[in-house]
C-alpha atoms as a PDB file:
ATOM      1  CA  MET A   1     129.344 113.847 100.083  1.00  0.00           C
ATOM      2  CA  HIS A   2     127.533 112.140 103.745  1.00  0.00           C
ATOM      3  CA  THR A   3     124.332 111.315 104.501  1.00  0.00           C
ATOM      4  CA  ARG A   4     122.636 112.275 108.136  1.00  0.00           C
ATOM      5  CA  HIS A   5     119.277 112.143 109.300  1.00  0.00           C
ATOM      6  CA  ILE A   6     117.516 115.368 109.880  1.00  0.00           C
ATOM      7  CA  PRO A   7     114.058 115.611 112.589  1.00  0.00           C
ATOM      8  CA  THR A   8     111.436 117.508 110.890  1.00  0.00           C
ATOM      9  CA  ASP A   9     107.748 118.555 111.488  1.00  0.00           C
ATOM     10  CA  ARG A  10     106.522 115.140 110.539  1.00  0.00           C
ATOM     11  CA  LEU A  11     109.480 112.889 109.903  1.00  0.00           C
ATOM     12  CA  ASN A  12     112.767 112.028 110.185  1.00  0.00           C
ATOM     13  CA  GLN A  13     114.298 112.241 107.312  1.00  0.00           C
ATOM     14  CA  LYS A  14     117.619 110.684 105.652  1.00  0.00           C
ATOM     15  CA  VAL A  15     120.066 113.094 103.152  1.00  0.00           C
ATOM     16  CA  LEU A  16     122.899 112.228 101.135  1.00  0.00           C
ATOM     17  CA  GLU A  17     124.282 115.960 100.846  1.00  0.00           C
ATOM     18  CA  ALA A  18     127.901 117.551  99.797  1.00  0.00           C
ATOM     19  CA  GLY A  19     128.861 121.230  99.370  1.00  0.00           C
ATOM     20  CA  SER A  20     127.603 124.991 101.125  1.00  0.00           C
ATOM     21  CA  GLY A  21     125.873 127.759  99.145  1.00  0.00           C
ATOM     22  CA  PRO A  22     122.218 128.215  97.919  1.00  0.00           C
ATOM     23  CA  LEU A  23     120.313 125.130  98.391  1.00  0.00           C
ATOM     24  CA  VAL A  24     119.229 123.025  95.719  1.00  0.00           C
ATOM     25  CA  LEU A  25     116.919 120.059  96.804  1.00  0.00           C
ATOM     26  CA  LEU A  26     116.959 116.594  94.703  1.00  0.00           C
ATOM     27  CA  VAL A  27     113.720 114.449  95.126  1.00  0.00           C
ATOM     28  CA  HIS A  28     114.081 111.178  93.264  1.00  0.00           C
ATOM     29  CA  GLY A  29     111.509 108.809  91.917  1.00  0.00           C
ATOM     30  CA  PHE A  30     110.630 104.918  92.160  1.00  0.00           C
ATOM     31  CA  PRO A  31     112.163 102.454  92.823  1.00  0.00           C
ATOM     32  CA  GLU A  32     114.267 104.805  94.224  1.00  0.00           C
ATOM     33  CA  LEU A  33     116.458 106.301  96.804  1.00  0.00           C
ATOM     34  CA  GLY A  34     118.567 109.712  97.521  1.00  0.00           C
ATOM     35  CA  ILE A  35     121.682 107.829  96.258  1.00  0.00           C
ATOM     36  CA  SER A  36     120.149 108.107  92.620  1.00  0.00           C
ATOM     37  CA  TRP A  37     122.049 111.455  92.575  1.00  0.00           C
ATOM     38  CA  ARG A  38     125.348 110.731  93.899  1.00  0.00           C
ATOM     39  CA  ALA A  39     126.597 112.330  90.540  1.00  0.00           C
ATOM     40  CA  GLN A  40     124.406 115.193  90.912  1.00  0.00           C
ATOM     41  CA  VAL A  41     125.147 116.246  94.027  1.00  0.00           C
ATOM     42  CA  GLU A  42     129.459 116.125  93.722  1.00  0.00           C
ATOM     43  CA  ALA A  43     128.721 118.243  90.727  1.00  0.00           C
ATOM     44  CA  LEU A  44     126.745 120.722  92.319  1.00  0.00           C
ATOM     45  CA  ALA A  45     129.034 120.891  95.109  1.00  0.00           C
ATOM     46  CA  ALA A  46     132.000 121.470  93.555  1.00  0.00           C
ATOM     47  CA  ALA A  47     129.803 124.306  91.341  1.00  0.00           C
ATOM     48  CA  GLY A  48     128.884 125.989  94.934  1.00  0.00           C
ATOM     49  CA  TYR A  49     125.555 124.925  95.676  1.00  0.00           C
ATOM     50  CA  HIS A  50     124.922 122.964  98.994  1.00  0.00           C
ATOM     51  CA  ALA A  51     122.980 119.722  97.194  1.00  0.00           C
ATOM     52  CA  VAL A  52     120.572 117.434  99.702  1.00  0.00           C
ATOM     53  CA  ALA A  53     119.193 114.339  97.815  1.00  0.00           C
ATOM     54  CA  PRO A  54     116.573 113.037 100.823  1.00  0.00           C
ATOM     55  CA  ASP A  55     115.172 109.564 100.584  1.00  0.00           C
ATOM     56  CA  MET A  56     111.460 110.497 100.485  1.00  0.00           C
ATOM     57  CA  ARG A  57     108.549 109.065 102.504  1.00  0.00           C
ATOM     58  CA  GLY A  58     108.667 105.447 102.524  1.00  0.00           C
ATOM     59  CA  TYR A  59     111.957 105.254 101.463  1.00  0.00           C
ATOM     60  CA  GLY A  60     115.244 103.642 102.858  1.00  0.00           C
ATOM     61  CA  GLY A  61     116.149 105.650 105.805  1.00  0.00           C
ATOM     62  CA  THR A  62     113.609 108.002 106.338  1.00  0.00           C
ATOM     63  CA  ASP A  63     110.100 107.496 107.977  1.00  0.00           C
ATOM     64  CA  LYS A  64     107.561 104.953 106.781  1.00  0.00           C
ATOM     65  CA  PRO A  65     103.849 106.160 107.478  1.00  0.00           C
ATOM     66  CA  VAL A  66     101.582 102.651 107.719  1.00  0.00           C
ATOM     67  CA  GLU A  67      98.573 104.341 106.272  1.00  0.00           C
ATOM     68  CA  THR A  68      97.947 104.731 102.822  1.00  0.00           C
ATOM     69  CA  ALA A  69      96.475 108.173 103.110  1.00  0.00           C
ATOM     70  CA  ALA A  70      99.884 109.239 103.933  1.00  0.00           C
ATOM     71  CA  TYR A  71     101.172 109.356 101.005  1.00  0.00           C
ATOM     72  CA  GLY A  72      99.275 112.573  99.011  1.00  0.00           C
ATOM     73  CA  ILE A  73     101.028 114.786  97.211  1.00  0.00           C
ATOM     74  CA  LEU A  74     100.395 117.511  99.811  1.00  0.00           C
ATOM     75  CA  ASP A  75     101.910 115.876 102.510  1.00  0.00           C
ATOM     76  CA  LEU A  76     105.137 115.295 100.150  1.00  0.00           C
ATOM     77  CA  VAL A  77     105.445 118.514  99.221  1.00  0.00           C
ATOM     78  CA  GLY A  78     104.563 119.393 102.911  1.00  0.00           C
ATOM     79  CA  ASP A  79     107.555 116.843 103.436  1.00  0.00           C
ATOM     80  CA  MET A  80     110.201 119.078 101.589  1.00  0.00           C
ATOM     81  CA  VAL A  81     108.684 122.282 102.519  1.00  0.00           C
ATOM     82  CA  ASP A  82     109.437 121.198 106.001  1.00  0.00           C
ATOM     83  CA  LEU A  83     113.366 120.162 105.058  1.00  0.00           C
ATOM     84  CA  VAL A  84     113.985 123.095 103.529  1.00  0.00           C
ATOM     85  CA  ARG A  85     112.826 125.041 106.860  1.00  0.00           C
ATOM     86  CA  ALA A  86     114.548 122.108 109.040  1.00  0.00           C
ATOM     87  CA  LEU A  87     117.792 123.081 106.656  1.00  0.00           C
ATOM     88  CA  GLY A  88     117.756 126.378 108.058  1.00  0.00           C
ATOM     89  CA  GLU A  89     117.154 128.451 104.462  1.00  0.00           C
ATOM     90  CA  GLU A  90     114.286 130.697 103.206  1.00  0.00           C
ATOM     91  CA  SER A  91     114.465 129.061  99.430  1.00  0.00           C
ATOM     92  CA  CYS A  92     115.549 126.694  97.159  1.00  0.00           C
ATOM     93  CA  VAL A  93     116.023 125.565  93.915  1.00  0.00           C
ATOM     94  CA  VAL A  94     113.775 121.868  93.427  1.00  0.00           C
ATOM     95  CA  VAL A  95     114.764 119.615  90.969  1.00  0.00           C
ATOM     96  CA  GLY A  96     112.909 115.972  90.566  1.00  0.00           C
ATOM     97  CA  HIS A  97     112.754 112.835  88.816  1.00  0.00           C
ATOM     98  CA  ASP A  98     110.094 110.350  87.769  1.00  0.00           C
ATOM     99  CA  TRP A  99     107.377 110.219  90.737  1.00  0.00           C
ATOM    100  CA  GLY A 100     109.977 113.215  92.242  1.00  0.00           C
ATOM    101  CA  ALA A 101     109.191 115.549  89.350  1.00  0.00           C
ATOM    102  CA  PRO A 102     105.565 115.607  90.309  1.00  0.00           C
ATOM    103  CA  VAL A 103     106.617 116.487  93.627  1.00  0.00           C
ATOM    104  CA  ALA A 104     108.911 119.107  92.444  1.00  0.00           C
ATOM    105  CA  TRP A 105     106.658 120.348  90.155  1.00  0.00           C
ATOM    106  CA  HIS A 106     103.570 120.979  93.101  1.00  0.00           C
ATOM    107  CA  CYS A 107     106.546 122.595  94.977  1.00  0.00           C
ATOM    108  CA  ALA A 108     106.901 125.270  92.876  1.00  0.00           C
ATOM    109  CA  LEU A 109     102.917 125.233  92.063  1.00  0.00           C
ATOM    110  CA  THR A 110     102.221 125.928  95.776  1.00  0.00           C
ATOM    111  CA  ARG A 111     104.630 127.545  97.420  1.00  0.00           C
ATOM    112  CA  PRO A 112     106.811 129.659  94.741  1.00  0.00           C
ATOM    113  CA  ASP A 113     107.855 131.832  97.797  1.00  0.00           C
ATOM    114  CA  LEU A 114     110.005 129.081  99.230  1.00  0.00           C
ATOM    115  CA  PHE A 115     110.841 127.055  95.914  1.00  0.00           C
ATOM    116  CA  ARG A 116     112.113 129.547  93.603  1.00  0.00           C
ATOM    117  CA  ALA A 117     112.919 127.666  90.481  1.00  0.00           C
ATOM    118  CA  VAL A 118     111.932 124.021  89.396  1.00  0.00           C
ATOM    119  CA  PHE A 119     113.384 121.659  87.090  1.00  0.00           C
ATOM    120  CA  GLY A 120     111.992 118.118  86.279  1.00  0.00           C
ATOM    121  CA  LEU A 121     113.551 114.949  84.814  1.00  0.00           C
ATOM    122  CA  SER A 122     111.398 112.608  82.723  1.00  0.00           C
ATOM    123  CA  VAL A 123     107.931 113.726  83.934  1.00  0.00           C
ATOM    124  CA  PRO A 124     106.745 116.405  82.718  1.00  0.00           C
ATOM    125  CA  PHE A 125     104.588 118.950  84.661  1.00  0.00           C
ATOM    126  CA  GLN A 126     100.627 117.470  84.610  1.00  0.00           C
ATOM    127  CA  PRO A 127      98.090 119.666  85.108  1.00  0.00           C
ATOM    128  CA  ARG A 128      94.757 118.590  86.857  1.00  0.00           C
ATOM    129  CA  ARG A 129      92.353 117.479  84.613  1.00  0.00           C
ATOM    130  CA  PRO A 130      88.515 119.281  85.116  1.00  0.00           C
ATOM    131  CA  LYS A 131      86.752 115.769  83.859  1.00  0.00           C
ATOM    132  CA  GLY A 132      87.513 113.359  86.932  1.00  0.00           C
ATOM    133  CA  PRO A 133      89.968 111.856  88.918  1.00  0.00           C
ATOM    134  CA  PRO A 134      92.625 109.927  86.641  1.00  0.00           C
ATOM    135  CA  THR A 135      92.689 106.157  87.227  1.00  0.00           C
ATOM    136  CA  ALA A 136      89.242 106.230  84.995  1.00  0.00           C
ATOM    137  CA  ALA A 137      90.959 108.069  82.623  1.00  0.00           C
ATOM    138  CA  MET A 138      94.244 105.670  82.645  1.00  0.00           C
ATOM    139  CA  ALA A 139      91.385 102.612  82.578  1.00  0.00           C
ATOM    140  CA  THR A 140      89.667 104.126  79.342  1.00  0.00           C
ATOM    141  CA  ILE A 141      92.752 104.997  77.490  1.00  0.00           C
ATOM    142  CA  SER A 142      94.009 101.371  78.283  1.00  0.00           C
ATOM    143  CA  LYS A 143      90.778  99.992  76.830  1.00  0.00           C
ATOM    144  CA  ARG A 144      91.064 102.597  73.755  1.00  0.00           C
ATOM    145  CA  LEU A 145      94.417 101.291  72.767  1.00  0.00           C
ATOM    146  CA  GLY A 146      93.837  97.815  73.487  1.00  0.00           C
ATOM    147  CA  LEU A 147      97.696  97.114  74.962  1.00  0.00           C
ATOM    148  CA  GLY A 148      97.030  95.929  78.607  1.00  0.00           C
ATOM    149  CA  GLU A 149      96.481  97.789  81.745  1.00  0.00           C
ATOM    150  CA  LEU A 150      99.245 100.597  82.237  1.00  0.00           C
ATOM    151  CA  TYR A 151     100.878  99.209  85.668  1.00  0.00           C
ATOM    152  CA  ILE A 152      99.629 102.247  87.054  1.00  0.00           C
ATOM    153  CA  SER A 153      96.139 100.771  87.200  1.00  0.00           C
ATOM    154  CA  GLN A 154      97.922  97.325  88.417  1.00  0.00           C
ATOM    155  CA  PHE A 155      99.568  99.637  91.676  1.00  0.00           C
ATOM    156  CA  GLN A 156      95.324 100.680  92.785  1.00  0.00           C
ATOM    157  CA  HIS A 157      95.535  97.025  94.104  1.00  0.00           C
ATOM    158  CA  THR A 158      95.714  96.859  98.261  1.00  0.00           C
ATOM    159  CA  ASP A 159      98.493  94.060  97.491  1.00  0.00           C
ATOM    160  CA  ALA A 160     100.368  95.237  94.008  1.00  0.00           C
ATOM    161  CA  HIS A 161     103.229  96.139  96.360  1.00  0.00           C
ATOM    162  CA  ARG A 162     103.541  92.249  97.117  1.00  0.00           C
ATOM    163  CA  VAL A 163     104.921  91.048  93.705  1.00  0.00           C
ATOM    164  CA  PHE A 164     108.375  93.220  94.126  1.00  0.00           C
ATOM    165  CA  GLU A 165     108.826  91.716  97.992  1.00  0.00           C
ATOM    166  CA  ALA A 166     108.655  88.449  97.042  1.00  0.00           C
ATOM    167  CA  ASP A 167     112.093  88.487  95.028  1.00  0.00           C
ATOM    168  CA  VAL A 168     113.579  92.395  96.304  1.00  0.00           C
ATOM    169  CA  ALA A 169     116.390  91.783  93.733  1.00  0.00           C
ATOM    170  CA  THR A 170     114.919  90.369  90.315  1.00  0.00           C
ATOM    171  CA  ALA A 171     112.232  93.328  90.758  1.00  0.00           C
ATOM    172  CA  LEU A 172     114.413  95.980  91.096  1.00  0.00           C
ATOM    173  CA  ARG A 173     116.832  94.522  87.767  1.00  0.00           C
ATOM    174  CA  LYS A 174     113.605  93.809  85.865  1.00  0.00           C
ATOM    175  CA  GLY A 175     112.376  97.513  86.698  1.00  0.00           C
ATOM    176  CA  PHE A 176     115.784  98.782  86.172  1.00  0.00           C
ATOM    177  CA  TYR A 177     116.306  97.224  82.683  1.00  0.00           C
ATOM    178  CA  ALA A 178     112.922  97.323  81.811  1.00  0.00           C
ATOM    179  CA  TYR A 179     112.859 101.369  81.662  1.00  0.00           C
ATOM    180  CA  ASP A 180     116.261 101.774  80.448  1.00  0.00           C
ATOM    181  CA  GLY A 181     118.114 103.344  77.340  1.00  0.00           C
ATOM    182  CA  ALA A 182     120.091 100.430  76.767  1.00  0.00           C
ATOM    183  CA  THR A 183     117.225  98.097  76.529  1.00  0.00           C
ATOM    184  CA  ALA A 184     116.400  97.060  73.006  1.00  0.00           C
ATOM    185  CA  ASP A 185     113.169  98.314  72.120  1.00  0.00           C
ATOM    186  CA  ASP A 186     111.459  94.991  72.253  1.00  0.00           C
ATOM    187  CA  ARG A 187     112.464  94.181  75.566  1.00  0.00           C
ATOM    188  CA  GLN A 188     111.667  97.880  76.592  1.00  0.00           C
ATOM    189  CA  SER A 189     108.428  97.870  79.210  1.00  0.00           C
ATOM    190  CA  THR A 190     105.427  99.737  77.347  1.00  0.00           C
ATOM    191  CA  GLY A 191     104.030 100.860  80.562  1.00  0.00           C
ATOM    192  CA  PHE A 192     101.028  98.597  79.399  1.00  0.00           C
ATOM    193  CA  ILE A 193     100.458  94.648  80.955  1.00  0.00           C
ATOM    194  CA  ALA A 194      99.644  92.129  79.042  1.00  0.00           C
ATOM    195  CA  GLU A 195      96.208  90.411  79.881  1.00  0.00           C
ATOM    196  CA  GLY A 196      97.542  87.631  83.286  1.00  0.00           C
ATOM    197  CA  LYS A 197     101.098  89.785  84.048  1.00  0.00           C
ATOM    198  CA  ASP A 198     102.088  91.651  86.245  1.00  0.00           C
ATOM    199  CA  PHE A 199     105.080  94.656  86.433  1.00  0.00           C
ATOM    200  CA  ILE A 200     107.721  92.123  87.023  1.00  0.00           C
ATOM    201  CA  SER A 201     106.848  88.739  85.416  1.00  0.00           C
ATOM    202  CA  ALA A 202     106.247  91.564  81.789  1.00  0.00           C
ATOM    203  CA  VAL A 203     109.938  92.043  82.154  1.00  0.00           C
ATOM    204  CA  PRO A 204     112.284  88.789  80.289  1.00  0.00           C
ATOM    205  CA  ASP A 205     113.779  86.320  82.981  1.00  0.00           C
ATOM    206  CA  ASP A 206     117.273  87.426  81.541  1.00  0.00           C
ATOM    207  CA  ALA A 207     116.968  91.277  82.200  1.00  0.00           C
ATOM    208  CA  THR A 208     120.856  92.046  82.884  1.00  0.00           C
ATOM    209  CA  LEU A 209     121.917  95.453  85.174  1.00  0.00           C
ATOM    210  CA  PRO A 210     121.851  98.378  83.371  1.00  0.00           C
ATOM    211  CA  PRO A 211     125.752  99.417  81.607  1.00  0.00           C
ATOM    212  CA  TRP A 212     125.710 102.436  84.363  1.00  0.00           C
ATOM    213  CA  MET A 213     124.910 100.599  87.615  1.00  0.00           C
ATOM    214  CA  ASN A 214     127.510  98.736  88.907  1.00  0.00           C
ATOM    215  CA  GLU A 215     127.256  95.216  91.616  1.00  0.00           C
ATOM    216  CA  ALA A 216     128.324  97.008  94.499  1.00  0.00           C
ATOM    217  CA  HIS A 217     125.217 100.460  94.156  1.00  0.00           C
ATOM    218  CA  PHE A 218     122.836  97.515  93.047  1.00  0.00           C
ATOM    219  CA  GLN A 219     122.593  95.934  96.497  1.00  0.00           C
ATOM    220  CA  GLU A 220     122.132  98.930  98.244  1.00  0.00           C
ATOM    221  CA  TYR A 221     119.117  99.661  96.775  1.00  0.00           C
ATOM    222  CA  VAL A 222     118.565  96.033  97.314  1.00  0.00           C
ATOM    223  CA  ALA A 223     119.404  96.402 100.699  1.00  0.00           C
ATOM    224  CA  ALA A 224     117.349  99.299 101.528  1.00  0.00           C
ATOM    225  CA  PHE A 225     113.914  97.536 100.081  1.00  0.00           C
ATOM    226  CA  SER A 226     114.799  94.429 101.712  1.00  0.00           C
ATOM    227  CA  VAL A 227     114.202  96.040 104.837  1.00  0.00           C
ATOM    228  CA  GLY A 228     111.982  99.019 104.173  1.00  0.00           C
ATOM    229  CA  GLY A 229     109.489  97.036 101.319  1.00  0.00           C
ATOM    230  CA  PHE A 230     107.553  98.268  98.377  1.00  0.00           C
ATOM    231  CA  LYS A 231     104.030  99.497 100.402  1.00  0.00           C
ATOM    232  CA  GLY A 232     105.065 103.200 101.046  1.00  0.00           C
ATOM    233  CA  PRO A 233     106.539 103.742  97.614  1.00  0.00           C
ATOM    234  CA  VAL A 234     103.646 102.269  95.985  1.00  0.00           C
ATOM    235  CA  ASP A 235     100.816 103.934  98.307  1.00  0.00           C
ATOM    236  CA  TRP A 236     102.276 106.889  96.332  1.00  0.00           C
ATOM    237  CA  TYR A 237     100.194 105.750  93.272  1.00  0.00           C
ATOM    238  CA  ARG A 238      97.160 104.790  95.592  1.00  0.00           C
ATOM    239  CA  ASN A 239      96.607 108.397  96.268  1.00  0.00           C
ATOM    240  CA  LEU A 240      96.241 109.542  92.734  1.00  0.00           C
ATOM    241  CA  ASP A 241      92.863 110.252  92.792  1.00  0.00           C
ATOM    242  CA  ALA A 242      92.378 111.408  96.423  1.00  0.00           C
ATOM    243  CA  ASN A 243      95.289 113.922  95.124  1.00  0.00           C
ATOM    244  CA  TRP A 244      93.102 114.898  92.192  1.00  0.00           C
ATOM    245  CA  ALA A 245      90.330 115.716  95.031  1.00  0.00           C
ATOM    246  CA  ALA A 246      92.855 117.241  97.302  1.00  0.00           C
ATOM    247  CA  THR A 247      94.167 119.591  94.643  1.00  0.00           C
ATOM    248  CA  ALA A 248      90.653 121.120  93.012  1.00  0.00           C
ATOM    249  CA  PHE A 249      92.222 124.586  94.799  1.00  0.00           C
ATOM    250  CA  LEU A 250      94.931 124.123  92.145  1.00  0.00           C
ATOM    251  CA  GLN A 251      92.664 124.060  88.662  1.00  0.00           C
ATOM    252  CA  ASP A 252      94.099 125.959  86.145  1.00  0.00           C
ATOM    253  CA  ALA A 253      96.649 126.913  88.136  1.00  0.00           C
ATOM    254  CA  ARG A 254     100.244 127.515  86.266  1.00  0.00           C
ATOM    255  CA  ILE A 255     103.810 127.215  87.373  1.00  0.00           C
ATOM    256  CA  ARG A 256     105.123 131.106  87.524  1.00  0.00           C
ATOM    257  CA  VAL A 257     109.251 130.387  88.813  1.00  0.00           C
ATOM    258  CA  PRO A 258     111.725 129.728  86.239  1.00  0.00           C
ATOM    259  CA  SER A 259     111.597 125.882  85.017  1.00  0.00           C
ATOM    260  CA  GLY A 260     113.488 123.788  82.981  1.00  0.00           C
ATOM    261  CA  PHE A 261     112.632 119.870  81.614  1.00  0.00           C
ATOM    262  CA  ALA A 262     114.502 117.329  80.600  1.00  0.00           C
ATOM    263  CA  VAL A 263     113.377 113.300  79.205  1.00  0.00           C
ATOM    264  CA  GLY A 264     115.378 110.712  77.382  1.00  0.00           C
ATOM    265  CA  GLU A 265     114.156 110.203  74.013  1.00  0.00           C
ATOM    266  CA  ARG A 266     114.013 106.456  74.448  1.00  0.00           C
ATOM    267  CA  ASP A 267     111.966 106.560  77.896  1.00  0.00           C
ATOM    268  CA  PRO A 268     109.091 104.476  78.316  1.00  0.00           C
ATOM    269  CA  VAL A 269     107.279 106.962  80.724  1.00  0.00           C
ATOM    270  CA  ARG A 270     106.355 109.031  76.890  1.00  0.00           C
ATOM    271  CA  HIS A 271     103.909 106.398  76.124  1.00  0.00           C
ATOM    272  CA  TYR A 272     101.895 107.580  78.707  1.00  0.00           C
ATOM    273  CA  ALA A 273     103.338 110.755  80.009  1.00  0.00           C
ATOM    274  CA  GLY A 274     104.904 112.826  76.629  1.00  0.00           C
ATOM    275  CA  ALA A 275     101.747 114.759  75.205  1.00  0.00           C
ATOM    276  CA  ALA A 276     102.271 116.661  78.372  1.00  0.00           C
ATOM    277  CA  GLU A 277     105.674 117.616  76.860  1.00  0.00           C
ATOM    278  CA  GLU A 278     104.015 119.447  73.868  1.00  0.00           C
ATOM    279  CA  THR A 279     101.921 121.455  76.234  1.00  0.00           C
ATOM    280  CA  LEU A 280     104.762 122.511  78.839  1.00  0.00           C
ATOM    281  CA  LYS A 281     104.837 125.896  77.749  1.00  0.00           C
ATOM    282  CA  ASP A 282     101.765 126.569  78.379  1.00  0.00           C
ATOM    283  CA  TRP A 283     101.580 125.394  81.933  1.00  0.00           C
ATOM    284  CA  ALA A 284     104.926 126.694  83.154  1.00  0.00           C
ATOM    285  CA  PRO A 285     105.645 130.154  80.901  1.00  0.00           C
ATOM    286  CA  ASP A 286     108.972 130.745  82.244  1.00  0.00           C
ATOM    287  CA  LEU A 287     110.194 127.166  80.883  1.00  0.00           C
ATOM    288  CA  ARG A 288     114.408 128.065  80.004  1.00  0.00           C
ATOM    289  CA  ILE A 289     115.473 124.709  79.268  1.00  0.00           C
ATOM    290  CA  GLN A 290     113.412 121.757  77.615  1.00  0.00           C
ATOM    291  CA  ARG A 291     115.402 118.591  75.787  1.00  0.00           C
ATOM    292  CA  VAL A 292     115.762 115.651  75.057  1.00  0.00           C
ATOM    293  CA  ILE A 293     118.695 113.767  75.616  1.00  0.00           C
ATOM    294  CA  PRO A 294     119.683 111.359  72.586  1.00  0.00           C
ATOM    295  CA  ASP A 295     118.717 107.723  73.463  1.00  0.00           C
ATOM    296  CA  ALA A 296     118.553 107.854  76.915  1.00  0.00           C
ATOM    297  CA  GLY A 297     115.819 105.939  78.819  1.00  0.00           C
ATOM    298  CA  HIS A 298     114.420 106.961  82.091  1.00  0.00           C
ATOM    299  CA  TRP A 299     116.375 106.881  84.707  1.00  0.00           C
ATOM    300  CA  ILE A 300     118.658 109.923  83.052  1.00  0.00           C
ATOM    301  CA  GLN A 301     120.215 111.377  85.952  1.00  0.00           C
ATOM    302  CA  GLN A 302     122.669 108.452  86.347  1.00  0.00           C
ATOM    303  CA  GLU A 303     122.686 106.862  82.500  1.00  0.00           C
ATOM    304  CA  ARG A 304     123.845 110.240  81.625  1.00  0.00           C
ATOM    305  CA  PRO A 305     125.124 111.990  84.622  1.00  0.00           C
ATOM    306  CA  ASP A 306     127.100 114.148  82.565  1.00  0.00           C
ATOM    307  CA  GLU A 307     124.500 115.697  80.066  1.00  0.00           C
ATOM    308  CA  VAL A 308     122.427 115.798  82.984  1.00  0.00           C
ATOM    309  CA  ASN A 309     124.481 117.781  85.348  1.00  0.00           C
ATOM    310  CA  ARG A 310     125.599 120.207  82.405  1.00  0.00           C
ATOM    311  CA  LEU A 311     121.740 120.837  82.178  1.00  0.00           C
ATOM    312  CA  LEU A 312     121.033 121.484  85.551  1.00  0.00           C
ATOM    313  CA  LEU A 313     124.855 123.659  86.139  1.00  0.00           C
ATOM    314  CA  GLU A 314     123.245 125.391  82.797  1.00  0.00           C
ATOM    315  CA  PHE A 315     119.573 126.490  84.444  1.00  0.00           C
ATOM    316  CA  LEU A 316     121.026 126.993  87.650  1.00  0.00           C
ATOM    317  CA  GLY A 317     124.219 129.084  86.486  1.00  0.00           C
ATOM    318  CA  ASP A 318     120.855 131.032  84.008  1.00  0.00           C
ATOM    319  CA  LEU A 319     118.909 131.712  87.255  1.00  0.00           C
ATOM    320  CA  THR A 320     121.874 133.473  88.827  1.00  0.00           C
ATOM    321  CA  ALA A 321     122.318 135.358  85.741  1.00  0.00           C
END
């Protein structure tokens, strides 16, 4: 397993990789890095695949464009297209977690010739709403439920990233804790933030690192985000409405390549994205695996690496068969 920088059409991308054989691209989410896939890179390489986990645009060792508009979904998909080409491949299987899942779903949706199969973790495919931009719908839902403002709505503010940068270690520790499967129900985040609070202050100050994350691994995240900051990662969220406008051509489009999905039973994201699990088969007709991992939280490829590895290898084996 090693890291290197790969120049692509628009970015220099840092990747973690191992193995040789069919390409499997592993796309991380927020606030993660390519290193979140170490267990999968190792397992896939041992099984005869070329596993590649990039730091995504705005993260870690990959370039970080300044403009907020540079973090739209079509740019993120384009980065993965460029990376596959730079690796000298003509097709791959794409796997995505958290924000990486929408990127992976859209890779398969827009370029099924290149991304021959897709597997999403934690966030199911959510089709484009025909009734208008998503942030307005989120605000309406939050008001109706009376649970506070959805953190995604808070992230639309131009300075929302600064609360993370004020104390990077605390922000990351609280973020991982609040969405982890080992955290008690009454201390997990619901995604909704009470008035006067923010994503960080809403989490108890005595939050600890999750059981799966040791101090050395945690410090890798702290070092990367201390240098790179959080503006780029939060800019992904600030493009939600722009993404809606840019993807009108995908209205009612379905994912036609083989697909799979897994989510942690106790993943807080299910509070506001879980309904899409029930209709996933409608939008991905060739859905071959859909699993709920008992007692797991949001960070399932790190919380439950053995189960996730088994699912991915089962999915890949089925493609070969």
